[in-house]
Amino acid sequence: KSIATFGEHPYMSMSADAFVEIFGSGKDAVSFIAVKNIGEFDTLTQYL
């Protein structure tokens, strides 16, 4: 929750190969942006 970005942000229109992981859309989007956060996202969700 602390490393997630909630809602709309400038990176939502980036290409699919960018370092952005997005679930949902618009104001309901939950995103993880940049290499470090996506790495933590992968590690934490794999554990859970």
ModelCIF file with pLDDT and N, C-alpha, C, O atoms, coordinates in Angstrom:
data_MODEL
#
_entry.id   MODEL 
#
_entity.id                         1 
_entity.type                       polymer 
_entity.pdbx_number_of_molecules   1 
#
_entity_poly.entity_id                      1 
_entity_poly.type                           'polypeptide(L)' 
_entity_poly.nstd_linkage                   no 
_entity_poly.nstd_monomer                   no 
_entity_poly.pdbx_seq_one_letter_code       KSIATFGEHPYMSMSADAFVEIFGSGKDAVSFIAVKNIGEFDTLTQYL 
_entity_poly.pdbx_seq_one_letter_code_can   KSIATFGEHPYMSMSADAFVEIFGSGKDAVSFIAVKNIGEFDTLTQYL 
_entity_poly.pdbx_strand_id                 A 
#
loop_
_entity_poly_seq.entity_id 
_entity_poly_seq.num 
_entity_poly_seq.mon_id 
_entity_poly_seq.hetero 
1 1  LYS n 
1 2  SER n 
1 3  ILE n 
1 4  ALA n 
1 5  THR n 
1 6  PHE n 
1 7  GLY n 
1 8  GLU n 
1 9  HIS n 
1 10 PRO n 
1 11 TYR n 
1 12 MET n 
1 13 SER n 
1 14 MET n 
1 15 SER n 
1 16 ALA n 
1 17 ASP n 
1 18 ALA n 
1 19 PHE n 
1 20 VAL n 
1 21 GLU n 
1 22 ILE n 
1 23 PHE n 
1 24 GLY n 
1 25 SER n 
1 26 GLY n 
1 27 LYS n 
1 28 ASP n 
1 29 ALA n 
1 30 VAL n 
1 31 SER n 
1 32 PHE n 
1 33 ILE n 
1 34 ALA n 
1 35 VAL n 
1 36 LYS n 
1 37 ASN n 
1 38 ILE n 
1 39 GLY n 
1 40 GLU n 
1 41 PHE n 
1 42 ASP n 
1 43 THR n 
1 44 LEU n 
1 45 THR n 
1 46 GLN n 
1 47 TYR n 
1 48 LEU n 
#
_struct_asym.id          A 
_struct_asym.entity_id   1 
#
loop_
_ma_qa_metric.id 
_ma_qa_metric.mode 
_ma_qa_metric.name 
_ma_qa_metric.software_group_id 
_ma_qa_metric.type 
1 global pLDDT . pLDDT 
2 local  pLDDT . pLDDT 
#
_ma_qa_metric_global.metric_id      1 
_ma_qa_metric_global.metric_value   84.10 
_ma_qa_metric_global.model_id       1 
_ma_qa_metric_global.ordinal_id     1 
#
loop_
_ma_qa_metric_local.label_asym_id 
_ma_qa_metric_local.label_comp_id 
_ma_qa_metric_local.label_seq_id 
_ma_qa_metric_local.metric_id 
_ma_qa_metric_local.metric_value 
_ma_qa_metric_local.model_id 
_ma_qa_metric_local.ordinal_id 
A LYS 1  2 94.00 1 1  
A SER 2  2 94.00 1 2  
A ILE 3  2 93.00 1 3  
A ALA 4  2 91.00 1 4  
A THR 5  2 90.00 1 5  
A PHE 6  2 91.00 1 6  
A GLY 7  2 87.00 1 7  
A GLU 8  2 79.00 1 8  
A HIS 9  2 75.00 1 9  
A PRO 10 2 70.00 1 10 
A TYR 11 2 69.00 1 11 
A MET 12 2 65.00 1 12 
A SER 13 2 68.00 1 13 
A MET 14 2 63.00 1 14 
A SER 15 2 50.00 1 15 
A ALA 16 2 57.00 1 16 
A ASP 17 2 57.00 1 17 
A ALA 18 2 62.00 1 18 
A PHE 19 2 76.00 1 19 
A VAL 20 2 81.00 1 20 
A GLU 21 2 85.00 1 21 
A ILE 22 2 87.00 1 22 
A PHE 23 2 90.00 1 23 
A GLY 24 2 87.00 1 24 
A SER 25 2 85.00 1 25 
A GLY 26 2 84.00 1 26 
A LYS 27 2 87.00 1 27 
A ASP 28 2 89.00 1 28 
A ALA 29 2 90.00 1 29 
A VAL 30 2 92.00 1 30 
A SER 31 2 89.00 1 31 
A PHE 32 2 90.00 1 32 
A ILE 33 2 87.00 1 33 
A ALA 34 2 83.00 1 34 
A VAL 35 2 84.00 1 35 
A LYS 36 2 89.00 1 36 
A ASN 37 2 90.00 1 37 
A ILE 38 2 89.00 1 38 
A GLY 39 2 91.00 1 39 
A GLU 40 2 94.00 1 40 
A PHE 41 2 94.00 1 41 
A ASP 42 2 94.00 1 42 
A THR 43 2 95.00 1 43 
A LEU 44 2 96.00 1 44 
A THR 45 2 96.00 1 45 
A GLN 46 2 96.00 1 46 
A TYR 47 2 96.00 1 47 
A LEU 48 2 96.00 1 48 
#
loop_
_atom_site.group_PDB 
_atom_site.id 
_atom_site.type_symbol 
_atom_site.label_atom_id 
_atom_site.label_alt_id 
_atom_site.label_comp_id 
_atom_site.label_asym_id 
_atom_site.label_entity_id 
_atom_site.label_seq_id 
_atom_site.pdbx_PDB_ins_code 
_atom_site.Cartn_x 
_atom_site.Cartn_y 
_atom_site.Cartn_z 
_atom_site.occupancy 
_atom_site.B_iso_or_equiv 
_atom_site.pdbx_formal_charge 
_atom_site.auth_seq_id 
_atom_site.auth_comp_id 
_atom_site.auth_asym_id 
_atom_site.auth_atom_id 
_atom_site.pdbx_PDB_model_num 
ATOM 1   N N  . LYS A 1 1  ? 0.838  -1.210  0.000   1.00 94.00 ? 1  LYS A N  1 
ATOM 2   C CA . LYS A 1 1  ? 0.000  0.000   0.000   1.00 94.00 ? 1  LYS A CA 1 
ATOM 3   C C  . LYS A 1 1  ? 0.873  1.262   0.000   1.00 94.00 ? 1  LYS A C  1 
ATOM 4   O O  . LYS A 1 1  ? 0.533  2.259   -0.636  1.00 94.00 ? 1  LYS A O  1 
ATOM 5   N N  . SER A 1 2  ? 1.991  1.207   0.713   1.00 94.00 ? 2  SER A N  1 
ATOM 6   C CA . SER A 1 2  ? 2.846  2.395   0.826   1.00 94.00 ? 2  SER A CA 1 
ATOM 7   C C  . SER A 1 2  ? 3.596  2.703   -0.465  1.00 94.00 ? 2  SER A C  1 
ATOM 8   O O  . SER A 1 2  ? 3.949  3.860   -0.698  1.00 94.00 ? 2  SER A O  1 
ATOM 9   N N  . ILE A 1 3  ? 3.850  1.712   -1.305  1.00 93.00 ? 3  ILE A N  1 
ATOM 10  C CA . ILE A 1 3  ? 4.597  1.959   -2.549  1.00 93.00 ? 3  ILE A CA 1 
ATOM 11  C C  . ILE A 1 3  ? 3.664  2.075   -3.759  1.00 93.00 ? 3  ILE A C  1 
ATOM 12  O O  . ILE A 1 3  ? 4.122  2.329   -4.873  1.00 93.00 ? 3  ILE A O  1 
ATOM 13  N N  . ALA A 1 4  ? 2.356  1.889   -3.542  1.00 91.00 ? 4  ALA A N  1 
ATOM 14  C CA . ALA A 1 4  ? 1.394  1.984   -4.641  1.00 91.00 ? 4  ALA A CA 1 
ATOM 15  C C  . ALA A 1 4  ? 1.022  3.436   -4.910  1.00 91.00 ? 4  ALA A C  1 
ATOM 16  O O  . ALA A 1 4  ? 1.078  4.285   -4.020  1.00 91.00 ? 4  ALA A O  1 
ATOM 17  N N  . THR A 1 5  ? 0.643  3.700   -6.150  1.00 90.00 ? 5  THR A N  1 
ATOM 18  C CA . THR A 1 5  ? 0.076  4.991   -6.547  1.00 90.00 ? 5  THR A CA 1 
ATOM 19  C C  . THR A 1 5  ? -1.393 4.758   -6.876  1.00 90.00 ? 5  THR A C  1 
ATOM 20  O O  . THR A 1 5  ? -1.728 3.876   -7.668  1.00 90.00 ? 5  THR A O  1 
ATOM 21  N N  . PHE A 1 6  ? -2.271 5.556   -6.262  1.00 91.00 ? 6  PHE A N  1 
ATOM 22  C CA . PHE A 1 6  ? -3.705 5.356   -6.432  1.00 91.00 ? 6  PHE A CA 1 
ATOM 23  C C  . PHE A 1 6  ? -4.294 6.457   -7.312  1.00 91.00 ? 6  PHE A C  1 
ATOM 24  O O  . PHE A 1 6  ? -3.993 7.638   -7.138  1.00 91.00 ? 6  PHE A O  1 
ATOM 25  N N  . GLY A 1 7  ? -5.143 6.048   -8.264  1.00 87.00 ? 7  GLY A N  1 
ATOM 26  C CA . GLY A 1 7  ? -5.790 7.015   -9.138  1.00 87.00 ? 7  GLY A CA 1 
ATOM 27  C C  . GLY A 1 7  ? -4.988 7.310   -10.393 1.00 87.00 ? 7  GLY A C  1 
ATOM 28  O O  . GLY A 1 7  ? -4.041 6.594   -10.722 1.00 87.00 ? 7  GLY A O  1 
ATOM 29  N N  . GLU A 1 8  ? -5.370 8.358   -11.083 1.00 79.00 ? 8  GLU A N  1 
ATOM 30  C CA . GLU A 1 8  ? -4.737 8.713   -12.353 1.00 79.00 ? 8  GLU A CA 1 
ATOM 31  C C  . GLU A 1 8  ? -3.376 9.361   -12.115 1.00 79.00 ? 8  GLU A C  1 
ATOM 32  O O  . GLU A 1 8  ? -3.153 10.020  -11.099 1.00 79.00 ? 8  GLU A O  1 
ATOM 33  N N  . HIS A 1 9  ? -2.473 9.159   -13.070 1.00 75.00 ? 9  HIS A N  1 
ATOM 34  C CA . HIS A 1 9  ? -1.130 9.750   -12.987 1.00 75.00 ? 9  HIS A CA 1 
ATOM 35  C C  . HIS A 1 9  ? -0.569 9.872   -14.404 1.00 75.00 ? 9  HIS A C  1 
ATOM 36  O O  . HIS A 1 9  ? -1.090 9.239   -15.323 1.00 75.00 ? 9  HIS A O  1 
ATOM 37  N N  . PRO A 1 10 ? 0.471  10.663  -14.597 1.00 70.00 ? 10 PRO A N  1 
ATOM 38  C CA . PRO A 1 10 ? 0.986  10.936  -15.953 1.00 70.00 ? 10 PRO A CA 1 
ATOM 39  C C  . PRO A 1 10 ? 1.532  9.710   -16.676 1.00 70.00 ? 10 PRO A C  1 
ATOM 40  O O  . PRO A 1 10 ? 1.642  9.718   -17.902 1.00 70.00 ? 10 PRO A O  1 
ATOM 41  N N  . TYR A 1 11 ? 1.877  8.653   -15.934 1.00 69.00 ? 11 TYR A N  1 
ATOM 42  C CA . TYR A 1 11 ? 2.532  7.503   -16.560 1.00 69.00 ? 11 TYR A CA 1 
ATOM 43  C C  . TYR A 1 11 ? 1.539  6.481   -17.103 1.00 69.00 ? 11 TYR A C  1 
ATOM 44  O O  . TYR A 1 11 ? 1.950  5.448   -17.632 1.00 69.00 ? 11 TYR A O  1 
ATOM 45  N N  . MET A 1 12 ? 0.238  6.751   -16.981 1.00 65.00 ? 12 MET A N  1 
ATOM 46  C CA . MET A 1 12 ? -0.757 5.754   -17.372 1.00 65.00 ? 12 MET A CA 1 
ATOM 47  C C  . MET A 1 12 ? -0.776 5.515   -18.873 1.00 65.00 ? 12 MET A C  1 
ATOM 48  O O  . MET A 1 12 ? -1.232 4.464   -19.323 1.00 65.00 ? 12 MET A O  1 
ATOM 49  N N  . SER A 1 13 ? -0.290 6.468   -19.654 1.00 68.00 ? 13 SER A N  1 
ATOM 50  C CA . SER A 1 13 ? -0.326 6.336   -21.113 1.00 68.00 ? 13 SER A CA 1 
ATOM 51  C C  . SER A 1 13 ? 0.986  5.792   -21.680 1.00 68.00 ? 13 SER A C  1 
ATOM 52  O O  . SER A 1 13 ? 1.161  5.737   -22.897 1.00 68.00 ? 13 SER A O  1 
ATOM 53  N N  . MET A 1 14 ? 1.904  5.391   -20.801 1.00 63.00 ? 14 MET A N  1 
ATOM 54  C CA . MET A 1 14 ? 3.187  4.874   -21.281 1.00 63.00 ? 14 MET A CA 1 
ATOM 55  C C  . MET A 1 14 ? 3.006  3.518   -21.927 1.00 63.00 ? 14 MET A C  1 
ATOM 56  O O  . MET A 1 14 ? 2.014  2.830   -21.683 1.00 63.00 ? 14 MET A O  1 
ATOM 57  N N  . SER A 1 15 ? 3.963  3.136   -22.750 1.00 50.00 ? 15 SER A N  1 
ATOM 58  C CA . SER A 1 15 ? 3.867  1.878   -23.494 1.00 50.00 ? 15 SER A CA 1 
ATOM 59  C C  . SER A 1 15 ? 3.909  0.687   -22.541 1.00 50.00 ? 15 SER A C  1 
ATOM 60  O O  . SER A 1 15 ? 4.280  0.811   -21.374 1.00 50.00 ? 15 SER A O  1 
ATOM 61  N N  . ALA A 1 16 ? 3.517  -0.469  -23.074 1.00 57.00 ? 16 ALA A N  1 
ATOM 62  C CA . ALA A 1 16 ? 3.389  -1.671  -22.249 1.00 57.00 ? 16 ALA A CA 1 
ATOM 63  C C  . ALA A 1 16 ? 4.723  -2.151  -21.686 1.00 57.00 ? 16 ALA A C  1 
ATOM 64  O O  . ALA A 1 16 ? 4.759  -2.823  -20.655 1.00 57.00 ? 16 ALA A O  1 
ATOM 65  N N  . ASP A 1 17 ? 5.826  -1.806  -22.365 1.00 57.00 ? 17 ASP A N  1 
ATOM 66  C CA . ASP A 1 17 ? 7.126  -2.264  -21.884 1.00 57.00 ? 17 ASP A CA 1 
ATOM 67  C C  . ASP A 1 17 ? 7.776  -1.288  -20.899 1.00 57.00 ? 17 ASP A C  1 
ATOM 68  O O  . ASP A 1 17 ? 8.927  -1.488  -20.508 1.00 57.00 ? 17 ASP A O  1 
ATOM 69  N N  . ALA A 1 18 ? 7.065  -0.249  -20.497 1.00 62.00 ? 18 ALA A N  1 
ATOM 70  C CA . ALA A 1 18 ? 7.597  0.694   -19.506 1.00 62.00 ? 18 ALA A CA 1 
ATOM 71  C C  . ALA A 1 18 ? 7.515  0.082   -18.118 1.00 62.00 ? 18 ALA A C  1 
ATOM 72  O O  . ALA A 1 18 ? 6.793  -0.889  -17.890 1.00 62.00 ? 18 ALA A O  1 
ATOM 73  N N  . PHE A 1 19 ? 8.276  0.672   -17.186 1.00 76.00 ? 19 PHE A N  1 
ATOM 74  C CA . PHE A 1 19 ? 8.303  0.143   -15.824 1.00 76.00 ? 19 PHE A CA 1 
ATOM 75  C C  . PHE A 1 19 ? 7.115  0.678   -15.027 1.00 76.00 ? 19 PHE A C  1 
ATOM 76  O O  . PHE A 1 19 ? 7.271  1.440   -14.073 1.00 76.00 ? 19 PHE A O  1 
ATOM 77  N N  . VAL A 1 20 ? 5.928  0.255   -15.450 1.00 81.00 ? 20 VAL A N  1 
ATOM 78  C CA . VAL A 1 20 ? 4.695  0.629   -14.773 1.00 81.00 ? 20 VAL A CA 1 
ATOM 79  C C  . VAL A 1 20 ? 3.789  -0.599  -14.724 1.00 81.00 ? 20 VAL A C  1 
ATOM 80  O O  . VAL A 1 20 ? 3.564  -1.245  -15.748 1.00 81.00 ? 20 VAL A O  1 
ATOM 81  N N  . GLU A 1 21 ? 3.279  -0.916  -13.564 1.00 85.00 ? 21 GLU A N  1 
ATOM 82  C CA . GLU A 1 21 ? 2.332  -2.027  -13.393 1.00 85.00 ? 21 GLU A CA 1 
ATOM 83  C C  . GLU A 1 21 ? 1.019  -1.428  -12.924 1.00 85.00 ? 21 GLU A C  1 
ATOM 84  O O  . GLU A 1 21 ? 0.958  -0.844  -11.842 1.00 85.00 ? 21 GLU A O  1 
ATOM 85  N N  . ILE A 1 22 ? -0.046 -1.565  -13.732 1.00 87.00 ? 22 ILE A N  1 
ATOM 86  C CA . ILE A 1 22 ? -1.313 -0.895  -13.437 1.00 87.00 ? 22 ILE A CA 1 
ATOM 87  C C  . ILE A 1 22 ? -2.441 -1.915  -13.346 1.00 87.00 ? 22 ILE A C  1 
ATOM 88  O O  . ILE A 1 22 ? -2.574 -2.786  -14.205 1.00 87.00 ? 22 ILE A O  1 
ATOM 89  N N  . PHE A 1 23 ? -3.251 -1.800  -12.296 1.00 90.00 ? 23 PHE A N  1 
ATOM 90  C CA . PHE A 1 23 ? -4.446 -2.616  -12.134 1.00 90.00 ? 23 PHE A CA 1 
ATOM 91  C C  . PHE A 1 23 ? -5.646 -1.677  -12.029 1.00 90.00 ? 23 PHE A C  1 
ATOM 92  O O  . PHE A 1 23 ? -5.662 -0.776  -11.191 1.00 90.00 ? 23 PHE A O  1 
ATOM 93  N N  . GLY A 1 24 ? -6.650 -1.891  -12.883 1.00 87.00 ? 24 GLY A N  1 
ATOM 94  C CA . GLY A 1 24 ? -7.776 -0.980  -12.921 1.00 87.00 ? 24 GLY A CA 1 
ATOM 95  C C  . GLY A 1 24 ? -7.503 0.186   -13.842 1.00 87.00 ? 24 GLY A C  1 
ATOM 96  O O  . GLY A 1 24 ? -6.483 0.220   -14.530 1.00 87.00 ? 24 GLY A O  1 
ATOM 97  N N  . SER A 1 25 ? -8.419 1.146   -13.857 1.00 85.00 ? 25 SER A N  1 
ATOM 98  C CA . SER A 1 25 ? -8.260 2.289   -14.750 1.00 85.00 ? 25 SER A CA 1 
ATOM 99  C C  . SER A 1 25 ? -8.804 3.560   -14.106 1.00 85.00 ? 25 SER A C  1 
ATOM 100 O O  . SER A 1 25 ? -9.582 3.520   -13.152 1.00 85.00 ? 25 SER A O  1 
ATOM 101 N N  . GLY A 1 26 ? -8.375 4.670   -14.653 1.00 84.00 ? 26 GLY A N  1 
ATOM 102 C CA . GLY A 1 26 ? -8.868 5.954   -14.205 1.00 84.00 ? 26 GLY A CA 1 
ATOM 103 C C  . GLY A 1 26 ? -8.622 6.202   -12.728 1.00 84.00 ? 26 GLY A C  1 
ATOM 104 O O  . GLY A 1 26 ? -7.549 5.897   -12.207 1.00 84.00 ? 26 GLY A O  1 
ATOM 105 N N  . LYS A 1 27 ? -9.629 6.760   -12.051 1.00 87.00 ? 27 LYS A N  1 
ATOM 106 C CA . LYS A 1 27 ? -9.477 7.092   -10.638 1.00 87.00 ? 27 LYS A CA 1 
ATOM 107 C C  . LYS A 1 27 ? -9.392 5.861   -9.746  1.00 87.00 ? 27 LYS A C  1 
ATOM 108 O O  . LYS A 1 27 ? -8.980 5.966   -8.591  1.00 87.00 ? 27 LYS A O  1 
ATOM 109 N N  . ASP A 1 28 ? -9.778 4.687   -10.268 1.00 89.00 ? 28 ASP A N  1 
ATOM 110 C CA . ASP A 1 28 ? -9.716 3.462   -9.485  1.00 89.00 ? 28 ASP A CA 1 
ATOM 111 C C  . ASP A 1 28 ? -8.431 2.670   -9.715  1.00 89.00 ? 28 ASP A C  1 
ATOM 112 O O  . ASP A 1 28 ? -8.284 1.562   -9.200  1.00 89.00 ? 28 ASP A O  1 
ATOM 113 N N  . ALA A 1 29 ? -7.508 3.231   -10.480 1.00 90.00 ? 29 ALA A N  1 
ATOM 114 C CA . ALA A 1 29 ? -6.278 2.504   -10.800 1.00 90.00 ? 29 ALA A CA 1 
ATOM 115 C C  . ALA A 1 29 ? -5.381 2.359   -9.570  1.00 90.00 ? 29 ALA A C  1 
ATOM 116 O O  . ALA A 1 29 ? -5.296 3.251   -8.726  1.00 90.00 ? 29 ALA A O  1 
ATOM 117 N N  . VAL A 1 30 ? -4.724 1.219   -9.501  1.00 92.00 ? 30 VAL A N  1 
ATOM 118 C CA . VAL A 1 30 ? -3.679 0.975   -8.496  1.00 92.00 ? 30 VAL A CA 1 
ATOM 119 C C  . VAL A 1 30 ? -2.413 0.673   -9.278  1.00 92.00 ? 30 VAL A C  1 
ATOM 120 O O  . VAL A 1 30 ? -2.374 -0.297  -10.035 1.00 92.00 ? 30 VAL A O  1 
ATOM 121 N N  . SER A 1 31 ? -1.373 1.490   -9.109  1.00 89.00 ? 31 SER A N  1 
ATOM 122 C CA . SER A 1 31 ? -0.181 1.388   -9.946  1.00 89.00 ? 31 SER A CA 1 
ATOM 123 C C  . SER A 1 31 ? 1.085  1.250   -9.111  1.00 89.00 ? 31 SER A C  1 
ATOM 124 O O  . SER A 1 31 ? 1.158  1.680   -7.960  1.00 89.00 ? 31 SER A O  1 
ATOM 125 N N  . PHE A 1 32 ? 2.080  0.630   -9.744  1.00 90.00 ? 32 PHE A N  1 
ATOM 126 C CA . PHE A 1 32 ? 3.420  0.527   -9.162  1.00 90.00 ? 32 PHE A CA 1 
ATOM 127 C C  . PHE A 1 32 ? 4.376  1.023   -10.230 1.00 90.00 ? 32 PHE A C  1 
ATOM 128 O O  . PHE A 1 32 ? 4.438  0.476   -11.331 1.00 90.00 ? 32 PHE A O  1 
ATOM 129 N N  . ILE A 1 33 ? 5.120  2.067   -9.890  1.00 87.00 ? 33 ILE A N  1 
ATOM 130 C CA . ILE A 1 33 ? 5.899  2.800   -10.873 1.00 87.00 ? 33 ILE A CA 1 
ATOM 131 C C  . ILE A 1 33 ? 7.380  2.742   -10.522 1.00 87.00 ? 33 ILE A C  1 
ATOM 132 O O  . ILE A 1 33 ? 7.771  2.866   -9.361  1.00 87.00 ? 33 ILE A O  1 
ATOM 133 N N  . ALA A 1 34 ? 8.194  2.550   -11.559 1.00 83.00 ? 34 ALA A N  1 
ATOM 134 C CA . ALA A 1 34 ? 9.663  2.538   -11.470 1.00 83.00 ? 34 ALA A CA 1 
ATOM 135 C C  . ALA A 1 34 ? 10.175 1.168   -11.050 1.00 83.00 ? 34 ALA A C  1 
ATOM 136 O O  . ALA A 1 34 ? 9.467  0.364   -10.444 1.00 83.00 ? 34 ALA A O  1 
ATOM 137 N N  . VAL A 1 35 ? 11.443 0.938   -11.400 1.00 84.00 ? 35 VAL A N  1 
ATOM 138 C CA . VAL A 1 35 ? 12.056 -0.380  -11.241 1.00 84.00 ? 35 VAL A CA 1 
ATOM 139 C C  . VAL A 1 35 ? 12.033 -0.861  -9.799  1.00 84.00 ? 35 VAL A C  1 
ATOM 140 O O  . VAL A 1 35 ? 11.665 -2.006  -9.536  1.00 84.00 ? 35 VAL A O  1 
ATOM 141 N N  . LYS A 1 36 ? 12.424 0.003   -8.854  1.00 89.00 ? 36 LYS A N  1 
ATOM 142 C CA . LYS A 1 36 ? 12.512 -0.401  -7.457  1.00 89.00 ? 36 LYS A CA 1 
ATOM 143 C C  . LYS A 1 36 ? 11.149 -0.839  -6.922  1.00 89.00 ? 36 LYS A C  1 
ATOM 144 O O  . LYS A 1 36 ? 11.042 -1.888  -6.288  1.00 89.00 ? 36 LYS A O  1 
ATOM 145 N N  . ASN A 1 37 ? 10.119 -0.052  -7.171  1.00 90.00 ? 37 ASN A N  1 
ATOM 146 C CA . ASN A 1 37 ? 8.786  -0.388  -6.665  1.00 90.00 ? 37 ASN A CA 1 
ATOM 147 C C  . ASN A 1 37 ? 8.222  -1.635  -7.319  1.00 90.00 ? 37 ASN A C  1 
ATOM 148 O O  . ASN A 1 37 ? 7.574  -2.444  -6.655  1.00 90.00 ? 37 ASN A O  1 
ATOM 149 N N  . ILE A 1 38 ? 8.460  -1.800  -8.614  1.00 89.00 ? 38 ILE A N  1 
ATOM 150 C CA . ILE A 1 38 ? 7.965  -2.996  -9.294  1.00 89.00 ? 38 ILE A CA 1 
ATOM 151 C C  . ILE A 1 38 ? 8.696  -4.236  -8.784  1.00 89.00 ? 38 ILE A C  1 
ATOM 152 O O  . ILE A 1 38 ? 8.099  -5.305  -8.657  1.00 89.00 ? 38 ILE A O  1 
ATOM 153 N N  . GLY A 1 39 ? 9.998  -4.091  -8.491  1.00 91.00 ? 39 GLY A N  1 
ATOM 154 C CA . GLY A 1 39 ? 10.750 -5.212  -7.911  1.00 91.00 ? 39 GLY A CA 1 
ATOM 155 C C  . GLY A 1 39 ? 10.184 -5.615  -6.559  1.00 91.00 ? 39 GLY A C  1 
ATOM 156 O O  . GLY A 1 39 ? 10.018 -6.801  -6.274  1.00 91.00 ? 39 GLY A O  1 
ATOM 157 N N  . GLU A 1 40 ? 9.886  -4.614  -5.720  1.00 94.00 ? 40 GLU A N  1 
ATOM 158 C CA . GLU A 1 40 ? 9.281  -4.913  -4.416  1.00 94.00 ? 40 GLU A CA 1 
ATOM 159 C C  . GLU A 1 40 ? 7.890  -5.505  -4.580  1.00 94.00 ? 40 GLU A C  1 
ATOM 160 O O  . GLU A 1 40 ? 7.514  -6.434  -3.864  1.00 94.00 ? 40 GLU A O  1 
ATOM 161 N N  . PHE A 1 41 ? 7.127  -4.965  -5.526  1.00 94.00 ? 41 PHE A N  1 
ATOM 162 C CA . PHE A 1 41 ? 5.791  -5.487  -5.800  1.00 94.00 ? 41 PHE A CA 1 
ATOM 163 C C  . PHE A 1 41 ? 5.857  -6.974  -6.158  1.00 94.00 ? 41 PHE A C  1 
ATOM 164 O O  . PHE A 1 41 ? 5.077  -7.771  -5.636  1.00 94.00 ? 41 PHE A O  1 
ATOM 165 N N  . ASP A 1 42 ? 6.780  -7.348  -7.040  1.00 94.00 ? 42 ASP A N  1 
ATOM 166 C CA . ASP A 1 42 ? 6.917  -8.750  -7.446  1.00 94.00 ? 42 ASP A CA 1 
ATOM 167 C C  . ASP A 1 42 ? 7.288  -9.635  -6.263  1.00 94.00 ? 42 ASP A C  1 
ATOM 168 O O  . ASP A 1 42 ? 6.717  -10.710 -6.082  1.00 94.00 ? 42 ASP A O  1 
ATOM 169 N N  . THR A 1 43 ? 8.251  -9.179  -5.455  1.00 95.00 ? 43 THR A N  1 
ATOM 170 C CA . THR A 1 43 ? 8.709  -9.975  -4.311  1.00 95.00 ? 43 THR A CA 1 
ATOM 171 C C  . THR A 1 43 ? 7.608  -10.147 -3.270  1.00 95.00 ? 43 THR A C  1 
ATOM 172 O O  . THR A 1 43 ? 7.381  -11.252 -2.776  1.00 95.00 ? 43 THR A O  1 
ATOM 173 N N  . LEU A 1 44 ? 6.935  -9.066  -2.943  1.00 96.00 ? 44 LEU A N  1 
ATOM 174 C CA . LEU A 1 44 ? 5.901  -9.106  -1.902  1.00 96.00 ? 44 LEU A CA 1 
ATOM 175 C C  . LEU A 1 44 ? 4.687  -9.916  -2.335  1.00 96.00 ? 44 LEU A C  1 
ATOM 176 O O  . LEU A 1 44 ? 4.163  -10.714 -1.557  1.00 96.00 ? 44 LEU A O  1 
ATOM 177 N N  . THR A 1 45 ? 4.239  -9.718  -3.566  1.00 96.00 ? 45 THR A N  1 
ATOM 178 C CA . THR A 1 45 ? 3.052  -10.455 -4.016  1.00 96.00 ? 45 THR A CA 1 
ATOM 179 C C  . THR A 1 45 ? 3.366  -11.935 -4.213  1.00 96.00 ? 45 THR A C  1 
ATOM 180 O O  . THR A 1 45 ? 2.496  -12.780 -4.002  1.00 96.00 ? 45 THR A O  1 
ATOM 181 N N  . GLN A 1 46 ? 4.583  -12.260 -4.610  1.00 96.00 ? 46 GLN A N  1 
ATOM 182 C CA . GLN A 1 46 ? 4.974  -13.673 -4.730  1.00 96.00 ? 46 GLN A CA 1 
ATOM 183 C C  . GLN A 1 46 ? 4.922  -14.354 -3.368  1.00 96.00 ? 46 GLN A C  1 
ATOM 184 O O  . GLN A 1 46 ? 4.461  -15.490 -3.256  1.00 96.00 ? 46 GLN A O  1 
ATOM 185 N N  . TYR A 1 47 ? 5.389  -13.670 -2.343  1.00 96.00 ? 47 TYR A N  1 
ATOM 186 C CA . TYR A 1 47 ? 5.347  -14.212 -0.980  1.00 96.00 ? 47 TYR A CA 1 
ATOM 187 C C  . TYR A 1 47 ? 3.900  -14.432 -0.538  1.00 96.00 ? 47 TYR A C  1 
ATOM 188 O O  . TYR A 1 47 ? 3.557  -15.501 -0.032  1.00 96.00 ? 47 TYR A O  1 
ATOM 189 N N  . LEU A 1 48 ? 3.062  -13.427 -0.728  1.00 96.00 ? 48 LEU A N  1 
ATOM 190 C CA . LEU A 1 48 ? 1.664  -13.527 -0.302  1.00 96.00 ? 48 LEU A CA 1 
ATOM 191 C C  . LEU A 1 48 ? 0.922  -14.593 -1.105  1.00 96.00 ? 48 LEU A C  1 
ATOM 192 O O  . LEU A 1 48 ? -0.267 -14.817 -0.882  1.00 96.00 ? 48 LEU A O  1 
#
